[in-house]
N, C-alpha and C. Protein backbone atom coordinates (compact mmCIF):
# COMPACT_ATOMS: atom_id res chain seq x y z
N UNK A 1 15.94 32.12 1.76
CA UNK A 1 16.01 30.61 1.51
C UNK A 1 17.70 30.51 0.98
N UNK A 2 18.16 31.16 0.04
CA UNK A 2 19.39 30.92 -0.24
C UNK A 2 20.51 30.88 0.70
N UNK A 3 20.22 32.00 1.97
CA UNK A 3 21.23 31.81 2.99
C UNK A 3 21.02 30.61 3.68
N UNK A 4 19.90 29.72 3.84
CA UNK A 4 19.94 28.48 4.81
C UNK A 4 21.02 27.50 3.34
N UNK A 5 20.27 27.57 2.34
CA UNK A 5 21.41 26.76 1.44
C UNK A 5 22.84 26.81 1.65
N UNK A 6 23.14 28.03 1.32
CA UNK A 6 24.60 28.36 1.80
C UNK A 6 25.06 27.90 2.86
N UNK A 7 24.24 28.12 4.00
CA UNK A 7 24.44 27.10 5.12
C UNK A 7 24.89 26.02 5.42
N UNK A 8 24.09 25.23 5.07
CA UNK A 8 23.90 23.93 4.81
C UNK A 8 25.09 23.36 4.34
N UNK A 9 25.22 24.42 2.99
CA UNK A 9 26.40 23.62 2.13
C UNK A 9 28.19 24.02 2.87
N UNK A 10 28.17 25.04 3.43
CA UNK A 10 29.06 25.45 4.23
C UNK A 10 29.32 24.40 5.52
N UNK A 11 28.25 24.01 6.03
CA UNK A 11 28.52 22.77 7.26
C UNK A 11 28.83 21.84 6.42
N UNK A 12 28.30 21.47 5.29
CA UNK A 12 28.51 19.81 5.02
C UNK A 12 29.81 19.96 4.57
N UNK A 13 30.44 20.73 4.02
CA UNK A 13 31.96 20.80 3.47
C UNK A 13 32.78 21.10 4.82
N UNK A 14 32.63 21.82 5.97
CA UNK A 14 33.23 21.78 7.23
C UNK A 14 33.13 20.34 7.80
N UNK A 15 32.01 19.50 7.94
CA UNK A 15 32.01 18.36 8.39
C UNK A 15 32.62 17.50 7.50
N UNK A 16 32.94 17.60 5.87
CA UNK A 16 33.56 16.19 5.44
C UNK A 16 35.15 16.92 5.71
N UNK A 17 35.90 17.86 5.85
CA UNK A 17 36.81 18.38 5.56
C UNK A 17 37.73 17.69 7.31
N UNK A 18 36.58 17.79 8.34
CA UNK A 18 37.02 17.50 9.80
C UNK A 18 36.98 15.67 9.55
N UNK A 19 36.29 15.25 9.06
CA UNK A 19 36.03 13.72 8.45
C UNK A 19 37.24 13.18 7.71
N UNK A 20 37.68 13.64 7.11
CA UNK A 20 38.53 13.67 6.07
C UNK A 20 40.44 13.62 6.74
N UNK A 21 40.33 14.63 7.47
CA UNK A 21 41.62 15.03 8.35
C UNK A 21 41.42 14.72 9.92
N UNK A 22 40.46 14.17 10.43
CA UNK A 22 40.28 14.30 11.76
C UNK A 22 40.58 12.78 12.17
N UNK A 23 41.49 12.82 13.11
CA UNK A 23 41.96 11.45 13.80
C UNK A 23 43.39 11.26 12.98
N UNK A 24 43.84 11.70 12.25
CA UNK A 24 45.00 11.21 11.96
C UNK A 24 46.45 11.72 12.72
N UNK A 25 47.18 10.19 12.88
CA UNK A 25 48.46 10.47 13.78
C UNK A 25 49.64 10.90 12.79
N UNK A 26 49.72 12.19 12.43
CA UNK A 26 51.02 12.48 11.68
C UNK A 26 52.11 11.96 12.41
N UNK A 27 53.23 12.02 11.46
CA UNK A 27 54.38 12.06 11.61
C UNK A 27 55.18 12.43 10.75
N UNK A 28 56.26 12.94 11.17
CA UNK A 28 57.68 13.47 10.61
C UNK A 28 58.57 12.35 10.06
N UNK A 29 59.01 12.04 8.87
CA UNK A 29 60.00 11.11 8.73
C UNK A 29 61.04 11.87 7.87
N UNK A 30 62.34 11.68 8.52
CA UNK A 30 63.51 11.82 8.36
C UNK A 30 64.44 11.26 7.52
N UNK A 31 64.70 10.83 6.29
CA UNK A 31 65.57 9.99 5.83
C UNK A 31 66.75 10.27 5.27
N UNK A 32 67.94 9.55 5.27
CA UNK A 32 69.06 10.46 4.50
C UNK A 32 70.12 9.04 4.81
N UNK A 33 71.17 8.95 4.18
CA UNK A 33 71.73 7.44 4.11
C UNK A 33 72.82 7.67 5.81
N UNK A 34 72.47 8.87 6.49
CA UNK A 34 73.03 8.22 7.55
C UNK A 34 72.29 8.55 9.13
N UNK A 35 70.82 9.10 8.42
CA UNK A 35 70.01 9.35 9.68
C UNK A 35 68.59 8.77 9.20
N UNK A 36 67.70 7.81 10.10
CA UNK A 36 66.51 7.55 10.15
C UNK A 36 65.46 7.83 11.28
N UNK A 37 64.88 8.91 11.32
CA UNK A 37 64.05 9.64 12.37
C UNK A 37 62.62 9.28 11.80
N UNK A 38 61.86 9.07 12.88
CA UNK A 38 60.32 9.26 13.09
C UNK A 38 59.89 10.42 14.30
N UNK A 39 59.59 11.38 14.04
CA UNK A 39 58.96 11.90 14.95
C UNK A 39 57.28 12.44 14.81
N UNK A 40 56.66 11.86 15.98
CA UNK A 40 55.29 12.44 15.95
C UNK A 40 55.14 13.75 15.73
N UNK A 41 54.07 14.20 15.64
CA UNK A 41 53.54 15.54 15.01
C UNK A 41 52.73 15.58 15.74
N UNK A 42 52.46 15.79 17.19
CA UNK A 42 51.13 16.12 18.11
C UNK A 42 51.73 17.18 18.83
N UNK A 43 52.71 17.87 18.21
CA UNK A 43 52.99 19.46 18.95
C UNK A 43 53.84 18.95 20.36
N UNK A 44 54.45 17.54 20.80
CA UNK A 44 54.98 17.45 21.89
C UNK A 44 56.60 17.92 21.71
N UNK A 45 57.02 18.33 20.54
CA UNK A 45 58.51 18.23 20.20
C UNK A 45 58.31 19.39 19.30
N UNK A 46 59.19 20.64 20.05
CA UNK A 46 59.60 21.97 18.98
C UNK A 46 60.78 21.72 19.17
N UNK A 47 61.64 22.03 18.28
CA UNK A 47 63.14 22.55 18.12
C UNK A 47 64.02 22.03 16.77
N UNK A 48 65.33 22.34 16.45
CA UNK A 48 65.62 21.75 15.53
C UNK A 48 66.59 20.50 15.34
N UNK A 49 66.44 20.01 13.94
CA UNK A 49 67.56 18.72 14.12
C UNK A 49 68.74 18.76 12.92
N UNK A 50 70.24 18.85 13.10
CA UNK A 50 70.98 18.92 12.80
C UNK A 50 71.41 18.08 11.86
N UNK A 51 71.16 17.74 10.57
CA UNK A 51 71.50 16.03 9.62
C UNK A 51 72.97 16.63 8.74
N UNK A 52 73.72 15.72 9.25
CA UNK A 52 75.19 15.96 8.71
C UNK A 52 74.71 14.96 7.29
N UNK A 53 75.30 15.34 6.33
CA UNK A 53 75.20 14.55 4.94
C UNK A 53 76.83 13.80 4.95
N UNK A 54 76.99 12.83 3.96
CA UNK A 54 78.27 12.10 3.79
C UNK A 54 79.24 13.01 2.95
N UNK A 55 78.55 14.34 2.47
CA UNK A 55 79.60 14.94 1.51
C UNK A 55 80.30 16.14 2.78
N UNK A 56 79.89 16.04 3.92
CA UNK A 56 80.19 17.16 4.85
C UNK A 56 79.25 17.90 4.94
N UNK A 57 78.02 17.99 4.21
CA UNK A 57 76.97 19.01 3.94
C UNK A 57 76.29 19.41 5.08
N UNK A 58 75.15 20.21 5.23
CA UNK A 58 74.39 19.86 6.35
C UNK A 58 72.77 20.33 5.68
N UNK A 59 71.78 19.78 6.58
CA UNK A 59 70.37 20.40 6.30
C UNK A 59 69.93 20.31 7.85
N UNK A 60 69.14 21.67 8.29
CA UNK A 60 68.93 21.79 9.34
C UNK A 60 67.41 21.79 9.28
N UNK A 61 66.47 20.67 9.87
CA UNK A 61 65.28 20.30 9.75
C UNK A 61 64.49 21.53 11.04
N UNK A 62 63.39 22.10 10.99
CA UNK A 62 62.90 22.59 12.05
C UNK A 62 61.16 21.86 12.62
N UNK A 63 60.84 21.67 13.90
CA UNK A 63 59.88 21.26 13.94
C UNK A 63 59.32 22.31 14.97
N UNK A 64 57.77 22.24 14.26
CA UNK A 64 57.26 23.65 15.44
C UNK A 64 55.90 22.98 15.48
N UNK A 65 55.40 22.60 16.29
CA UNK A 65 53.85 22.09 16.39
C UNK A 65 53.23 21.11 15.62
N UNK A 66 52.45 21.21 14.74
CA UNK A 66 52.34 19.44 13.75
C UNK A 66 52.80 20.03 12.53
N UNK A 67 53.78 21.11 12.43
CA UNK A 67 54.90 20.87 11.09
C UNK A 67 56.27 21.04 11.29
N UNK A 68 56.54 20.87 9.47
CA UNK A 68 58.04 20.95 9.77
C UNK A 68 58.43 21.88 8.37
N UNK A 69 59.81 21.93 8.39
CA UNK A 69 60.35 22.25 7.22
C UNK A 69 62.10 22.29 7.29
N UNK A 70 62.65 22.51 6.05
CA UNK A 70 64.28 22.17 6.30
C UNK A 70 64.43 23.46 5.93
N UNK A 71 64.87 24.05 7.17
CA UNK A 71 64.98 25.66 7.68
C UNK A 71 66.27 26.30 7.05
N UNK A 72 67.54 25.45 6.74
CA UNK A 72 68.58 25.63 6.41
C UNK A 72 69.30 24.80 5.41
N UNK A 73 70.29 24.73 4.76
CA UNK A 73 71.14 23.96 4.36
C UNK A 73 72.18 24.31 2.98
N UNK A 74 73.00 23.68 3.18
CA UNK A 74 74.46 24.15 2.13
C UNK A 74 74.23 23.32 0.80
N UNK A 75 73.35 23.11 0.35
CA UNK A 75 73.51 22.61 -1.10
C UNK A 75 73.03 23.59 -1.96
N UNK A 76 73.45 23.32 -3.26
CA UNK A 76 73.75 24.26 -3.90
C UNK A 76 72.71 25.30 -4.25
N UNK A 77 71.40 24.30 -4.70
CA UNK A 77 70.43 25.02 -5.02
C UNK A 77 69.07 25.50 -3.87
N UNK A 78 69.45 24.95 -2.79
CA UNK A 78 68.54 24.99 -1.73
C UNK A 78 66.96 24.70 -2.08
N UNK A 79 66.90 24.25 -2.92
CA UNK A 79 65.12 23.75 -3.33
C UNK A 79 64.59 22.87 -2.09
N UNK A 80 65.09 22.38 -0.93
CA UNK A 80 64.66 21.93 0.32
C UNK A 80 64.39 22.61 1.10
N UNK A 81 65.19 23.86 1.02
CA UNK A 81 64.71 24.89 1.81
C UNK A 81 63.39 26.13 1.41
N UNK A 82 63.48 26.14 0.09
CA UNK A 82 62.47 26.45 -0.39
C UNK A 82 60.91 25.79 -0.68
N UNK A 83 60.67 24.65 -0.10
CA UNK A 83 59.95 23.88 0.03
C UNK A 83 58.79 24.51 0.92
N UNK A 84 59.20 25.58 2.03
CA UNK A 84 58.59 25.44 3.10
C UNK A 84 57.89 24.63 4.20
N UNK A 85 57.08 25.38 4.80
CA UNK A 85 56.33 24.30 5.68
C UNK A 85 55.71 23.10 5.51
N UNK A 86 55.64 21.92 5.93
CA UNK A 86 55.31 20.91 5.81
C UNK A 86 54.32 20.51 6.92
N UNK A 87 52.90 20.57 6.53
CA UNK A 87 52.13 20.25 7.43
C UNK A 87 51.00 18.96 6.88
N UNK A 88 50.75 18.38 5.87
CA UNK A 88 50.19 17.67 5.63
C UNK A 88 50.65 16.09 5.27
N UNK A 89 49.98 15.31 5.67
CA UNK A 89 49.95 13.71 4.84
C UNK A 89 50.66 14.06 3.04
N UNK A 90 51.46 14.03 2.90
CA UNK A 90 51.57 13.56 1.63
C UNK A 90 52.94 14.78 1.41
N UNK A 91 53.08 15.80 2.22
CA UNK A 91 54.17 16.52 1.93
C UNK A 91 55.33 16.32 2.12
N UNK A 92 56.14 16.92 1.27
CA UNK A 92 57.63 16.50 1.48
C UNK A 92 58.40 17.35 0.89
N UNK A 93 59.96 17.21 1.48
CA UNK A 93 60.98 18.61 1.03
C UNK A 93 62.11 17.50 0.69
N UNK A 94 62.84 17.28 -0.62
CA UNK A 94 63.64 16.52 -0.76
C UNK A 94 64.82 17.20 -1.20
N UNK A 95 66.06 16.68 -0.52
CA UNK A 95 67.70 17.50 -1.04
C UNK A 95 68.46 16.64 -1.77
N UNK A 96 68.38 16.39 -3.31
CA UNK A 96 69.09 15.14 -3.78
C UNK A 96 70.56 15.80 -3.81
N UNK A 97 71.29 16.53 -3.64
CA UNK A 97 72.77 16.83 -3.22
C UNK A 97 72.97 16.01 -2.05
N UNK A 98 72.13 16.29 -1.05
CA UNK A 98 72.51 15.17 0.38
C UNK A 98 71.93 14.04 0.77
N UNK A 99 71.12 13.78 -0.10
CA UNK A 99 69.90 12.24 -0.30
C UNK A 99 69.28 12.68 1.10
N UNK A 100 68.58 13.62 1.44
CA UNK A 100 67.53 14.11 2.42
C UNK A 100 66.31 13.94 1.59
N UNK A 101 65.19 13.17 2.71
CA UNK A 101 63.56 13.04 2.35
C UNK A 101 63.04 13.59 3.62
N UNK A 102 62.41 14.69 3.97
CA UNK A 102 61.72 15.12 5.07
C UNK A 102 60.46 14.84 4.41
N UNK A 103 59.58 14.16 5.25
CA UNK A 103 58.06 13.87 4.58
C UNK A 103 57.02 13.84 5.81
N UNK A 104 56.02 14.11 5.85
CA UNK A 104 54.54 14.24 6.49
C UNK A 104 54.05 12.74 6.15
N UNK A 105 53.70 11.88 7.19
CA UNK A 105 53.11 10.75 7.17
C UNK A 105 52.09 10.72 7.65
N UNK A 106 50.76 10.07 7.21
CA UNK A 106 49.61 9.80 8.17
C UNK A 106 48.90 8.88 8.11
N UNK A 107 48.00 8.66 8.84
CA UNK A 107 47.01 7.22 8.63
C UNK A 107 46.66 7.17 7.02
N UNK A 108 46.29 8.22 6.68
CA UNK A 108 45.86 8.20 5.03
C UNK A 108 46.61 9.42 4.27
N UNK A 109 47.23 8.67 3.34
CA UNK A 109 47.73 9.91 2.27
C UNK A 109 46.92 10.37 1.72
N UNK A 110 47.60 11.67 1.29
CA UNK A 110 46.54 12.43 0.17
C UNK A 110 46.56 11.83 -1.11
N UNK A 111 45.05 11.67 -1.66
CA UNK A 111 45.13 10.70 -2.80
C UNK A 111 45.46 11.94 -3.86
N UNK A 112 45.39 13.09 -3.67
CA UNK A 112 45.52 14.27 -4.40
C UNK A 112 46.59 15.11 -4.46
N UNK A 113 47.47 15.22 -5.24
CA UNK A 113 48.53 16.59 -4.52
C UNK A 113 48.17 17.91 -4.99
N UNK A 114 48.66 18.60 -4.16
CA UNK A 114 47.87 19.83 -4.38
C UNK A 114 47.91 20.96 -5.87
N UNK A 115 49.04 20.32 -6.21
CA UNK A 115 49.41 21.10 -7.63
C UNK A 115 48.29 20.29 -9.07
N UNK A 116 47.48 19.22 -8.67
CA UNK A 116 46.65 18.37 -9.86
C UNK A 116 45.77 19.05 -9.16
N UNK A 117 45.60 19.62 -7.96
CA UNK A 117 43.81 20.37 -7.88
C UNK A 117 43.22 21.15 -8.40
């Protein structure tokens, strides 16, 4: 009996996850003073995008499948690089020295951030 309850609970959790994340059209939004790009994250584009900052610096954004990251940058703290892979709506990496925001957008933004869960 306990096994049946566990299986039903797991099935309900899986269905909830699929319904809450399924059907989203995720896009990658790259925004800086010099660049504004929106790229669909549907797996059709894989590659890197070099973003030149107004101060002569750079950020290298990599897109692979349905995820993106700031792969490299010459800013002093490199916090944007340390953010790692972005894959869910609401995920973002920000480079303050270069005034760059890389964000995943979707039909529904996440209501609760991972930090507060």
